[in-house]
Amino acid sequence: MNTLTRIFENKIISIVRGAKPEDTLKIAKALRDGGIRLIEITLNSPNALESIELVSQELGEEMVVGAGTVLDPETARAALLAGSKFILSPTVDLETIKMTKRYGAVSIPGAYTPTEILTAYENGGDIIKVFPASVGPNYFKDIRGPLSHIPLLPTGGVTLDNIAEFQKAGVVGFGIGSSLVDAKQEVNERYLMELTQKARSFVSAIRS
């Protein structure tokens, strides 16, 4: 199964920001145990490329690893060589999209307005991350009126309380950050158990 199909199937991309490599691996395993199969490691995390490589090698096919907060093609290439299968950006950078596609990976550029969303898609974006999604599900309903052919991924503001509403709005997946993984907390056994349970709750919310 290719990466894009796995994203469409599993839907939830868990965003890990700010964790050290050894903690990122523990977090990834806890998420996996809770049913999450997609993880985004942001490149503004400590030794992010090392984290990407570590999780890719340790969890293999169990967890699809992507890189987030990718701002330029050079960084995208480094992340892809470290093992990333998909690249997420907060903005529409056409050269980053081109580099990602050149390596056969999934491109998820970030956009907000209809013009940005269409531009990103027409230039090779596979899925368009709409950020921030704190504007709410109705915005996605409105956007999908004229742009129903474009796969949208709300990120920033998706919680357990509203994820079902986002799903009803017709999005293809969800980028979920601190409402799932809060890397500022101590990554101990209790934290990891709670994280696994939280992951189960998110997975259950989109399947019910």
N, C-alpha and C. Protein backbone atom coordinates (compact mmCIF):
# COMPACT_ATOMS: atom_id res chain seq x y z
N MET A 1 0.85 -1.19 0.00
CA MET A 1 0.00 0.00 0.00
C MET A 1 0.89 1.25 0.00
N ASN A 2 0.61 2.19 -0.92
CA ASN A 2 1.47 3.37 -0.98
C ASN A 2 1.12 4.37 0.12
N THR A 3 1.99 5.36 0.29
CA THR A 3 1.85 6.30 1.39
C THR A 3 0.55 7.09 1.33
N LEU A 4 0.19 7.57 0.15
CA LEU A 4 -1.03 8.38 0.03
C LEU A 4 -2.26 7.57 0.44
N THR A 5 -2.32 6.32 0.01
CA THR A 5 -3.43 5.44 0.38
C THR A 5 -3.48 5.23 1.88
N ARG A 6 -2.33 5.09 2.49
CA ARG A 6 -2.28 4.87 3.94
C ARG A 6 -2.73 6.12 4.70
N ILE A 7 -2.43 7.29 4.16
CA ILE A 7 -2.90 8.53 4.79
C ILE A 7 -4.43 8.62 4.68
N PHE A 8 -4.95 8.34 3.50
CA PHE A 8 -6.40 8.38 3.32
C PHE A 8 -7.10 7.35 4.21
N GLU A 9 -6.47 6.21 4.40
CA GLU A 9 -7.07 5.13 5.18
C GLU A 9 -7.01 5.41 6.69
N ASN A 10 -5.86 5.90 7.17
CA ASN A 10 -5.67 6.06 8.61
C ASN A 10 -6.06 7.45 9.13
N LYS A 11 -5.99 8.44 8.27
CA LYS A 11 -6.55 9.78 8.49
C LYS A 11 -5.83 10.65 9.52
N ILE A 12 -5.46 10.11 10.67
CA ILE A 12 -4.91 10.94 11.74
C ILE A 12 -3.39 11.00 11.66
N ILE A 13 -2.86 12.20 11.42
CA ILE A 13 -1.42 12.42 11.47
C ILE A 13 -1.10 13.08 12.81
N SER A 14 -0.38 12.36 13.65
CA SER A 14 -0.01 12.88 14.95
C SER A 14 1.25 13.72 14.81
N ILE A 15 1.18 14.97 15.27
CA ILE A 15 2.30 15.91 15.13
C ILE A 15 3.13 15.90 16.41
N VAL A 16 4.42 15.58 16.28
CA VAL A 16 5.33 15.59 17.43
C VAL A 16 6.30 16.74 17.23
N ARG A 17 6.22 17.71 18.12
CA ARG A 17 7.03 18.92 18.01
C ARG A 17 7.82 19.14 19.30
N GLY A 18 9.13 19.25 19.18
CA GLY A 18 9.94 19.62 20.32
C GLY A 18 10.51 18.48 21.14
N ALA A 19 10.25 17.24 20.74
CA ALA A 19 10.75 16.09 21.51
C ALA A 19 12.13 15.66 21.02
N LYS A 20 12.96 15.18 21.94
CA LYS A 20 14.27 14.64 21.60
C LYS A 20 14.10 13.28 20.93
N PRO A 21 15.09 12.82 20.17
CA PRO A 21 14.96 11.55 19.44
C PRO A 21 14.54 10.37 20.31
N GLU A 22 15.17 10.20 21.48
CA GLU A 22 14.83 9.05 22.32
C GLU A 22 13.39 9.13 22.83
N ASP A 23 12.91 10.35 23.11
CA ASP A 23 11.52 10.52 23.53
C ASP A 23 10.57 10.37 22.35
N THR A 24 10.99 10.84 21.19
CA THR A 24 10.14 10.71 20.00
C THR A 24 9.85 9.25 19.70
N LEU A 25 10.83 8.39 19.84
CA LEU A 25 10.62 6.96 19.59
C LEU A 25 9.62 6.38 20.59
N LYS A 26 9.75 6.75 21.85
CA LYS A 26 8.81 6.26 22.87
C LYS A 26 7.40 6.76 22.56
N ILE A 27 7.29 8.02 22.17
CA ILE A 27 5.99 8.60 21.82
C ILE A 27 5.39 7.87 20.62
N ALA A 28 6.21 7.61 19.62
CA ALA A 28 5.74 6.92 18.42
C ALA A 28 5.21 5.52 18.76
N LYS A 29 5.89 4.83 19.64
CA LYS A 29 5.44 3.47 20.04
C LYS A 29 4.13 3.53 20.81
N ALA A 30 3.99 4.55 21.67
CA ALA A 30 2.74 4.71 22.42
C ALA A 30 1.58 5.04 21.49
N LEU A 31 1.84 5.89 20.50
CA LEU A 31 0.81 6.21 19.50
C LEU A 31 0.43 4.98 18.70
N ARG A 32 1.41 4.22 18.30
CA ARG A 32 1.15 2.99 17.55
C ARG A 32 0.26 2.04 18.36
N ASP A 33 0.57 1.91 19.64
CA ASP A 33 -0.22 1.03 20.49
C ASP A 33 -1.66 1.50 20.62
N GLY A 34 -1.87 2.81 20.41
CA GLY A 34 -3.22 3.36 20.46
C GLY A 34 -3.93 3.38 19.12
N GLY A 35 -3.27 2.87 18.08
CA GLY A 35 -3.92 2.76 16.78
C GLY A 35 -3.54 3.82 15.77
N ILE A 36 -2.65 4.76 16.14
CA ILE A 36 -2.18 5.78 15.20
C ILE A 36 -1.11 5.16 14.30
N ARG A 37 -1.18 5.46 13.01
CA ARG A 37 -0.23 4.88 12.06
C ARG A 37 0.54 5.92 11.25
N LEU A 38 0.30 7.21 11.55
CA LEU A 38 0.95 8.30 10.82
C LEU A 38 1.53 9.29 11.82
N ILE A 39 2.81 9.62 11.66
CA ILE A 39 3.44 10.56 12.58
C ILE A 39 4.21 11.61 11.81
N GLU A 40 4.05 12.85 12.21
CA GLU A 40 4.79 13.97 11.64
C GLU A 40 5.79 14.47 12.67
N ILE A 41 7.05 14.43 12.35
CA ILE A 41 8.09 14.94 13.23
C ILE A 41 8.52 16.30 12.67
N THR A 42 8.29 17.35 13.43
CA THR A 42 8.58 18.68 12.90
C THR A 42 10.08 18.96 12.93
N LEU A 43 10.54 19.65 11.91
CA LEU A 43 11.97 19.87 11.77
C LEU A 43 12.51 20.98 12.67
N ASN A 44 11.64 21.62 13.45
CA ASN A 44 12.14 22.55 14.45
C ASN A 44 12.22 21.87 15.82
N SER A 45 12.27 20.54 15.81
CA SER A 45 12.51 19.74 17.02
C SER A 45 14.01 19.47 17.13
N PRO A 46 14.50 19.18 18.35
CA PRO A 46 15.93 18.87 18.51
C PRO A 46 16.33 17.63 17.72
N ASN A 47 17.36 17.74 16.90
CA ASN A 47 17.88 16.60 16.12
C ASN A 47 16.75 15.87 15.38
N ALA A 48 15.92 16.65 14.69
CA ALA A 48 14.72 16.10 14.05
C ALA A 48 15.04 15.02 13.02
N LEU A 49 16.11 15.21 12.25
CA LEU A 49 16.45 14.21 11.23
C LEU A 49 16.83 12.88 11.88
N GLU A 50 17.49 12.96 13.02
CA GLU A 50 17.82 11.75 13.77
C GLU A 50 16.55 11.04 14.25
N SER A 51 15.58 11.83 14.70
CA SER A 51 14.30 11.26 15.13
C SER A 51 13.58 10.56 13.98
N ILE A 52 13.57 11.21 12.82
CA ILE A 52 12.93 10.62 11.63
C ILE A 52 13.58 9.29 11.28
N GLU A 53 14.90 9.29 11.27
CA GLU A 53 15.64 8.07 10.93
C GLU A 53 15.39 6.97 11.95
N LEU A 54 15.39 7.33 13.22
CA LEU A 54 15.20 6.36 14.30
C LEU A 54 13.83 5.71 14.24
N VAL A 55 12.78 6.53 14.12
CA VAL A 55 11.42 6.00 14.09
C VAL A 55 11.20 5.18 12.82
N SER A 56 11.74 5.64 11.70
CA SER A 56 11.61 4.90 10.43
C SER A 56 12.24 3.52 10.54
N GLN A 57 13.42 3.46 11.14
CA GLN A 57 14.14 2.18 11.25
C GLN A 57 13.50 1.26 12.27
N GLU A 58 13.07 1.81 13.40
CA GLU A 58 12.56 0.98 14.49
C GLU A 58 11.13 0.47 14.22
N LEU A 59 10.31 1.32 13.63
CA LEU A 59 8.90 0.95 13.47
C LEU A 59 8.54 0.54 12.05
N GLY A 60 9.45 0.77 11.11
CA GLY A 60 9.26 0.25 9.76
C GLY A 60 7.90 0.51 9.18
N GLU A 61 7.20 -0.57 8.84
CA GLU A 61 5.90 -0.45 8.20
C GLU A 61 4.76 -0.19 9.18
N GLU A 62 5.05 -0.27 10.47
CA GLU A 62 4.00 -0.05 11.47
C GLU A 62 3.58 1.42 11.55
N MET A 63 4.52 2.31 11.27
CA MET A 63 4.26 3.74 11.39
C MET A 63 4.85 4.46 10.18
N VAL A 64 4.02 5.21 9.47
CA VAL A 64 4.50 6.00 8.34
C VAL A 64 5.00 7.33 8.88
N VAL A 65 6.25 7.64 8.61
CA VAL A 65 6.88 8.83 9.18
C VAL A 65 6.96 9.95 8.15
N GLY A 66 6.57 11.14 8.57
CA GLY A 66 6.69 12.32 7.72
C GLY A 66 7.42 13.42 8.45
N ALA A 67 7.85 14.42 7.70
CA ALA A 67 8.53 15.59 8.27
C ALA A 67 7.62 16.80 8.14
N GLY A 68 7.57 17.60 9.22
CA GLY A 68 6.74 18.79 9.21
C GLY A 68 7.57 20.06 9.39
N THR A 69 6.90 21.19 9.20
CA THR A 69 7.55 22.51 9.27
C THR A 69 8.73 22.56 8.30
N VAL A 70 8.51 22.06 7.09
CA VAL A 70 9.53 22.06 6.05
C VAL A 70 9.35 23.32 5.21
N LEU A 71 10.37 24.18 5.20
CA LEU A 71 10.22 25.51 4.61
C LEU A 71 10.91 25.68 3.26
N ASP A 72 11.77 24.73 2.88
CA ASP A 72 12.52 24.89 1.64
C ASP A 72 12.89 23.53 1.07
N PRO A 73 13.25 23.48 -0.23
CA PRO A 73 13.53 22.19 -0.88
C PRO A 73 14.74 21.47 -0.31
N GLU A 74 15.75 22.21 0.13
CA GLU A 74 16.94 21.57 0.68
C GLU A 74 16.61 20.79 1.95
N THR A 75 15.78 21.39 2.79
CA THR A 75 15.37 20.73 4.02
C THR A 75 14.48 19.52 3.70
N ALA A 76 13.62 19.67 2.71
CA ALA A 76 12.77 18.56 2.29
C ALA A 76 13.63 17.37 1.85
N ARG A 77 14.64 17.65 1.07
CA ARG A 77 15.53 16.57 0.59
C ARG A 77 16.21 15.87 1.76
N ALA A 78 16.71 16.62 2.71
CA ALA A 78 17.36 16.03 3.87
C ALA A 78 16.41 15.13 4.65
N ALA A 79 15.16 15.59 4.79
CA ALA A 79 14.16 14.80 5.52
C ALA A 79 13.80 13.52 4.76
N LEU A 80 13.71 13.62 3.45
CA LEU A 80 13.40 12.45 2.63
C LEU A 80 14.52 11.42 2.70
N LEU A 81 15.75 11.89 2.67
CA LEU A 81 16.89 10.98 2.77
C LEU A 81 16.98 10.33 4.15
N ALA A 82 16.43 10.98 5.16
CA ALA A 82 16.43 10.43 6.51
C ALA A 82 15.33 9.38 6.71
N GLY A 83 14.38 9.33 5.76
CA GLY A 83 13.34 8.32 5.85
C GLY A 83 11.91 8.82 5.80
N SER A 84 11.72 10.12 5.61
CA SER A 84 10.35 10.66 5.53
C SER A 84 9.64 10.15 4.29
N LYS A 85 8.38 9.80 4.45
CA LYS A 85 7.55 9.36 3.33
C LYS A 85 6.60 10.45 2.87
N PHE A 86 6.43 11.49 3.70
CA PHE A 86 5.61 12.63 3.30
C PHE A 86 6.19 13.89 3.92
N ILE A 87 5.93 15.00 3.23
CA ILE A 87 6.48 16.30 3.63
C ILE A 87 5.35 17.29 3.83
N LEU A 88 5.31 17.91 5.02
CA LEU A 88 4.31 18.94 5.31
C LEU A 88 4.98 20.29 5.50
N SER A 89 4.33 21.31 4.98
CA SER A 89 4.82 22.68 5.11
C SER A 89 3.71 23.57 5.65
N PRO A 90 4.05 24.64 6.36
CA PRO A 90 3.03 25.58 6.81
C PRO A 90 2.57 26.54 5.72
N THR A 91 3.32 26.58 4.60
CA THR A 91 3.03 27.53 3.52
C THR A 91 3.10 26.82 2.16
N VAL A 92 2.80 27.57 1.12
CA VAL A 92 2.90 27.06 -0.25
C VAL A 92 4.26 27.47 -0.82
N ASP A 93 5.20 26.54 -0.83
CA ASP A 93 6.50 26.78 -1.44
C ASP A 93 6.63 25.83 -2.62
N LEU A 94 6.56 26.37 -3.82
CA LEU A 94 6.49 25.52 -5.02
C LEU A 94 7.73 24.66 -5.20
N GLU A 95 8.91 25.17 -4.86
CA GLU A 95 10.13 24.38 -5.01
C GLU A 95 10.17 23.21 -4.04
N THR A 96 9.60 23.39 -2.86
CA THR A 96 9.52 22.30 -1.89
C THR A 96 8.59 21.20 -2.40
N ILE A 97 7.48 21.61 -3.00
CA ILE A 97 6.57 20.63 -3.60
C ILE A 97 7.29 19.84 -4.69
N LYS A 98 8.01 20.54 -5.57
CA LYS A 98 8.73 19.88 -6.67
C LYS A 98 9.75 18.89 -6.15
N MET A 99 10.52 19.28 -5.14
CA MET A 99 11.53 18.40 -4.57
C MET A 99 10.90 17.15 -3.98
N THR A 100 9.81 17.33 -3.27
CA THR A 100 9.12 16.19 -2.65
C THR A 100 8.64 15.21 -3.70
N LYS A 101 8.04 15.72 -4.77
CA LYS A 101 7.54 14.85 -5.83
C LYS A 101 8.68 14.18 -6.59
N ARG A 102 9.80 14.89 -6.72
CA ARG A 102 10.96 14.33 -7.41
C ARG A 102 11.43 13.05 -6.72
N TYR A 103 11.28 13.00 -5.40
CA TYR A 103 11.70 11.83 -4.63
C TYR A 103 10.56 10.82 -4.44
N GLY A 104 9.46 11.05 -5.09
CA GLY A 104 8.35 10.09 -5.04
C GLY A 104 7.59 10.08 -3.73
N ALA A 105 7.70 11.17 -2.97
CA ALA A 105 7.02 11.24 -1.68
C ALA A 105 5.73 12.05 -1.79
N VAL A 106 4.92 12.00 -0.75
CA VAL A 106 3.65 12.71 -0.72
C VAL A 106 3.87 14.15 -0.24
N SER A 107 3.34 15.10 -0.99
CA SER A 107 3.49 16.51 -0.68
C SER A 107 2.22 17.06 -0.04
N ILE A 108 2.37 17.66 1.15
CA ILE A 108 1.23 18.25 1.87
C ILE A 108 1.59 19.69 2.23
N PRO A 109 1.48 20.60 1.28
CA PRO A 109 1.75 22.01 1.57
C PRO A 109 0.62 22.63 2.37
N GLY A 110 0.95 23.69 3.12
CA GLY A 110 -0.05 24.37 3.92
C GLY A 110 -0.58 25.61 3.22
N ALA A 111 -1.89 25.78 3.27
CA ALA A 111 -2.54 26.93 2.64
C ALA A 111 -3.75 27.34 3.48
N TYR A 112 -4.34 28.46 3.13
CA TYR A 112 -5.49 28.91 3.91
C TYR A 112 -6.63 29.42 3.02
N THR A 113 -6.32 30.30 2.11
CA THR A 113 -7.37 30.87 1.27
C THR A 113 -7.67 29.96 0.08
N PRO A 114 -8.82 30.13 -0.56
CA PRO A 114 -9.11 29.33 -1.75
C PRO A 114 -8.04 29.46 -2.83
N THR A 115 -7.51 30.66 -3.03
CA THR A 115 -6.46 30.85 -4.05
C THR A 115 -5.21 30.06 -3.69
N GLU A 116 -4.78 30.13 -2.44
CA GLU A 116 -3.60 29.37 -2.00
C GLU A 116 -3.82 27.87 -2.13
N ILE A 117 -5.00 27.42 -1.73
CA ILE A 117 -5.32 25.98 -1.78
C ILE A 117 -5.26 25.48 -3.22
N LEU A 118 -5.88 26.22 -4.13
CA LEU A 118 -5.87 25.81 -5.54
C LEU A 118 -4.46 25.87 -6.12
N THR A 119 -3.72 26.89 -5.80
CA THR A 119 -2.34 27.01 -6.29
C THR A 119 -1.49 25.84 -5.84
N ALA A 120 -1.60 25.49 -4.57
CA ALA A 120 -0.83 24.38 -4.02
C ALA A 120 -1.19 23.07 -4.72
N TYR A 121 -2.47 22.86 -4.93
CA TYR A 121 -2.93 21.61 -5.56
C TYR A 121 -2.52 21.53 -7.03
N GLU A 122 -2.68 22.63 -7.75
CA GLU A 122 -2.35 22.62 -9.17
C GLU A 122 -0.86 22.51 -9.43
N ASN A 123 -0.05 22.79 -8.40
CA ASN A 123 1.40 22.68 -8.54
C ASN A 123 1.95 21.39 -7.94
N GLY A 124 1.09 20.42 -7.68
CA GLY A 124 1.56 19.11 -7.29
C GLY A 124 1.27 18.65 -5.88
N GLY A 125 0.66 19.50 -5.06
CA GLY A 125 0.31 19.07 -3.70
C GLY A 125 -0.69 17.92 -3.75
N ASP A 126 -0.40 16.85 -3.03
CA ASP A 126 -1.31 15.69 -3.03
C ASP A 126 -2.51 15.92 -2.12
N ILE A 127 -2.22 16.48 -0.96
CA ILE A 127 -3.23 16.86 0.02
C ILE A 127 -2.87 18.28 0.46
N ILE A 128 -3.86 19.11 0.70
CA ILE A 128 -3.56 20.48 1.13
C ILE A 128 -3.90 20.63 2.61
N LYS A 129 -2.86 20.95 3.37
CA LYS A 129 -3.05 21.20 4.80
C LYS A 129 -3.62 22.61 4.96
N VAL A 130 -4.80 22.70 5.55
CA VAL A 130 -5.39 24.01 5.79
C VAL A 130 -5.06 24.40 7.23
N PHE A 131 -4.28 25.45 7.35
CA PHE A 131 -3.74 25.86 8.65
C PHE A 131 -3.84 27.37 8.82
N PRO A 132 -4.32 27.85 9.96
CA PRO A 132 -4.84 27.06 11.09
C PRO A 132 -6.30 26.67 10.89
N ALA A 133 -6.67 25.52 11.43
CA ALA A 133 -8.04 25.03 11.28
C ALA A 133 -8.94 25.49 12.42
N SER A 134 -8.40 26.34 13.30
CA SER A 134 -9.17 26.83 14.44
C SER A 134 -10.36 27.68 14.01
N VAL A 135 -10.40 28.05 12.73
CA VAL A 135 -11.55 28.77 12.18
C VAL A 135 -12.82 27.91 12.24
N GLY A 136 -12.65 26.58 12.27
CA GLY A 136 -13.79 25.69 12.48
C GLY A 136 -14.24 24.92 11.25
N PRO A 137 -15.04 23.86 11.47
CA PRO A 137 -15.48 22.97 10.39
C PRO A 137 -16.27 23.65 9.28
N ASN A 138 -17.04 24.68 9.60
CA ASN A 138 -17.87 25.32 8.57
C ASN A 138 -17.04 25.92 7.44
N TYR A 139 -15.84 26.37 7.77
CA TYR A 139 -14.96 26.91 6.74
C TYR A 139 -14.65 25.85 5.69
N PHE A 140 -14.47 24.62 6.14
CA PHE A 140 -14.15 23.52 5.23
C PHE A 140 -15.34 23.14 4.37
N LYS A 141 -16.53 23.22 4.94
CA LYS A 141 -17.74 23.00 4.15
C LYS A 141 -17.82 24.03 3.04
N ASP A 142 -17.55 25.28 3.38
CA ASP A 142 -17.62 26.36 2.40
C ASP A 142 -16.57 26.19 1.30
N ILE A 143 -15.34 25.87 1.69
CA ILE A 143 -14.24 25.70 0.73
C ILE A 143 -14.54 24.54 -0.22
N ARG A 144 -15.13 23.48 0.32
CA ARG A 144 -15.38 22.31 -0.51
C ARG A 144 -16.52 22.51 -1.49
N GLY A 145 -17.26 23.61 -1.36
CA GLY A 145 -18.29 23.92 -2.35
C GLY A 145 -17.68 24.04 -3.74
N PRO A 146 -16.79 25.03 -3.96
CA PRO A 146 -16.18 25.17 -5.28
C PRO A 146 -14.95 24.30 -5.51
N LEU A 147 -14.35 23.77 -4.42
CA LEU A 147 -13.08 23.03 -4.55
C LEU A 147 -13.22 21.61 -4.00
N SER A 148 -14.31 20.95 -4.32
CA SER A 148 -14.59 19.64 -3.75
C SER A 148 -13.62 18.55 -4.22
N HIS A 149 -12.88 18.83 -5.30
CA HIS A 149 -11.94 17.83 -5.84
C HIS A 149 -10.60 17.83 -5.12
N ILE A 150 -10.39 18.80 -4.22
CA ILE A 150 -9.09 18.94 -3.56
C ILE A 150 -9.15 18.33 -2.16
N PRO A 151 -8.28 17.36 -1.86
CA PRO A 151 -8.26 16.74 -0.53
C PRO A 151 -7.71 17.73 0.50
N LEU A 152 -8.46 17.94 1.58
CA LEU A 152 -8.08 18.92 2.60
C LEU A 152 -7.77 18.23 3.94
N LEU A 153 -6.75 18.78 4.62
CA LEU A 153 -6.30 18.24 5.90
C LEU A 153 -6.26 19.37 6.93
N PRO A 154 -7.30 19.52 7.76
CA PRO A 154 -7.26 20.57 8.78
C PRO A 154 -6.17 20.30 9.81
N THR A 155 -5.44 21.34 10.17
CA THR A 155 -4.36 21.22 11.15
C THR A 155 -4.35 22.47 12.03
N GLY A 156 -4.21 22.25 13.34
CA GLY A 156 -4.20 23.38 14.27
C GLY A 156 -5.60 23.71 14.72
N GLY A 157 -6.03 23.12 15.81
CA GLY A 157 -7.38 23.38 16.31
C GLY A 157 -8.30 22.17 16.28
N VAL A 158 -7.80 21.01 15.82
CA VAL A 158 -8.61 19.79 15.82
C VAL A 158 -8.47 19.11 17.18
N THR A 159 -9.61 18.85 17.82
CA THR A 159 -9.63 18.22 19.14
C THR A 159 -10.61 17.06 19.16
N LEU A 160 -10.64 16.35 20.29
CA LEU A 160 -11.61 15.26 20.43
C LEU A 160 -13.04 15.77 20.34
N ASP A 161 -13.25 17.00 20.78
CA ASP A 161 -14.60 17.56 20.80
C ASP A 161 -15.12 17.93 19.42
N ASN A 162 -14.22 18.25 18.48
CA ASN A 162 -14.70 18.73 17.17
C ASN A 162 -14.30 17.87 15.99
N ILE A 163 -13.53 16.81 16.21
CA ILE A 163 -13.01 16.03 15.08
C ILE A 163 -14.14 15.42 14.25
N ALA A 164 -15.23 15.02 14.91
CA ALA A 164 -16.36 14.43 14.17
C ALA A 164 -16.99 15.46 13.24
N GLU A 165 -17.05 16.72 13.68
CA GLU A 165 -17.61 17.78 12.84
C GLU A 165 -16.73 18.07 11.64
N PHE A 166 -15.41 18.05 11.85
CA PHE A 166 -14.49 18.21 10.72
C PHE A 166 -14.68 17.07 9.72
N GLN A 167 -14.86 15.87 10.23
CA GLN A 167 -15.04 14.73 9.33
C GLN A 167 -16.32 14.87 8.51
N LYS A 168 -17.38 15.34 9.14
CA LYS A 168 -18.64 15.57 8.43
C LYS A 168 -18.48 16.63 7.34
N ALA A 169 -17.53 17.54 7.52
CA ALA A 169 -17.30 18.61 6.54
C ALA A 169 -16.61 18.09 5.28
N GLY A 170 -16.16 16.83 5.30
CA GLY A 170 -15.63 16.22 4.09
C GLY A 170 -14.12 16.23 3.95
N VAL A 171 -13.39 16.45 5.04
CA VAL A 171 -11.93 16.44 4.95
C VAL A 171 -11.42 15.00 4.83
N VAL A 172 -10.19 14.84 4.35
CA VAL A 172 -9.64 13.49 4.14
C VAL A 172 -8.80 13.00 5.31
N GLY A 173 -8.46 13.92 6.22
CA GLY A 173 -7.64 13.53 7.36
C GLY A 173 -7.48 14.70 8.31
N PHE A 174 -6.63 14.51 9.32
CA PHE A 174 -6.49 15.50 10.37
C PHE A 174 -5.04 15.56 10.84
N GLY A 175 -4.48 16.77 10.94
CA GLY A 175 -3.20 16.95 11.58
C GLY A 175 -3.45 17.35 13.02
N ILE A 176 -3.03 16.53 13.96
CA ILE A 176 -3.36 16.76 15.37
C ILE A 176 -2.08 16.92 16.17
N GLY A 177 -1.94 18.10 16.79
CA GLY A 177 -0.73 18.42 17.53
C GLY A 177 -0.90 18.27 19.03
N SER A 178 -0.90 19.40 19.74
CA SER A 178 -0.83 19.37 21.21
C SER A 178 -2.07 18.79 21.87
N SER A 179 -3.20 18.70 21.17
CA SER A 179 -4.36 18.07 21.78
C SER A 179 -4.19 16.54 21.86
N LEU A 180 -3.16 16.03 21.19
CA LEU A 180 -2.82 14.61 21.30
C LEU A 180 -1.45 14.44 21.96
N VAL A 181 -0.41 15.02 21.38
CA VAL A 181 0.95 14.90 21.92
C VAL A 181 1.42 16.24 22.46
N ASP A 182 1.62 16.28 23.77
CA ASP A 182 2.19 17.47 24.40
C ASP A 182 3.61 17.11 24.83
N ALA A 183 4.57 17.41 23.97
CA ALA A 183 5.96 17.01 24.22
C ALA A 183 6.63 17.84 25.31
N LYS A 184 5.93 18.85 25.84
CA LYS A 184 6.50 19.65 26.92
C LYS A 184 6.44 18.89 28.25
N GLN A 185 5.59 17.88 28.31
CA GLN A 185 5.50 17.08 29.53
C GLN A 185 6.65 16.08 29.60
N GLU A 186 6.92 15.60 30.81
CA GLU A 186 7.95 14.57 30.97
C GLU A 186 7.45 13.27 30.34
N VAL A 187 8.29 12.69 29.50
CA VAL A 187 7.89 11.46 28.80
C VAL A 187 8.26 10.26 29.68
N ASN A 188 7.35 9.98 30.63
CA ASN A 188 7.55 8.86 31.54
C ASN A 188 6.49 7.79 31.28
N GLU A 189 6.51 6.75 32.08
CA GLU A 189 5.61 5.61 31.83
C GLU A 189 4.15 6.02 31.92
N ARG A 190 3.82 6.85 32.88
CA ARG A 190 2.43 7.29 33.03
C ARG A 190 1.99 8.12 31.82
N TYR A 191 2.86 9.04 31.41
CA TYR A 191 2.54 9.87 30.25
C TYR A 191 2.28 9.01 29.01
N LEU A 192 3.11 8.00 28.80
CA LEU A 192 2.99 7.16 27.62
C LEU A 192 1.71 6.32 27.66
N MET A 193 1.33 5.85 28.85
CA MET A 193 0.07 5.11 28.98
C MET A 193 -1.12 6.00 28.66
N GLU A 194 -1.07 7.22 29.18
CA GLU A 194 -2.16 8.18 28.90
C GLU A 194 -2.21 8.55 27.42
N LEU A 195 -1.05 8.64 26.80
CA LEU A 195 -0.98 8.97 25.38
C LEU A 195 -1.61 7.86 24.53
N THR A 196 -1.32 6.62 24.88
CA THR A 196 -1.91 5.50 24.16
C THR A 196 -3.43 5.53 24.26
N GLN A 197 -3.93 5.82 25.46
CA GLN A 197 -5.38 5.89 25.64
C GLN A 197 -5.99 7.05 24.86
N LYS A 198 -5.30 8.18 24.85
CA LYS A 198 -5.78 9.34 24.11
C LYS A 198 -5.82 9.04 22.60
N ALA A 199 -4.78 8.35 22.12
CA ALA A 199 -4.74 7.95 20.71
C ALA A 199 -5.93 7.05 20.37
N ARG A 200 -6.24 6.12 21.25
CA ARG A 200 -7.39 5.23 21.04
C ARG A 200 -8.68 6.04 20.94
N SER A 201 -8.78 7.08 21.77
CA SER A 201 -9.99 7.91 21.78
C SER A 201 -10.15 8.65 20.46
N PHE A 202 -9.05 9.17 19.92
CA PHE A 202 -9.11 9.88 18.63
C PHE A 202 -9.49 8.92 17.50
N VAL A 203 -8.86 7.74 17.51
CA VAL A 203 -9.17 6.75 16.47
C VAL A 203 -10.64 6.34 16.54
N SER A 204 -11.13 6.13 17.75
CA SER A 204 -12.52 5.75 17.95
C SER A 204 -13.48 6.84 17.49
N ALA A 205 -13.09 8.10 17.71
CA ALA A 205 -13.96 9.24 17.36
C ALA A 205 -14.23 9.33 15.86
N ILE A 206 -13.25 8.92 15.03
CA ILE A 206 -13.47 9.02 13.57
C ILE A 206 -14.05 7.74 12.99
N ARG A 207 -14.15 6.71 13.80
CA ARG A 207 -14.72 5.44 13.31
C ARG A 207 -16.15 5.24 13.76
N SER A 208 -16.56 5.99 14.78
CA SER A 208 -17.91 5.80 15.32
C SER A 208 -18.94 6.50 14.44
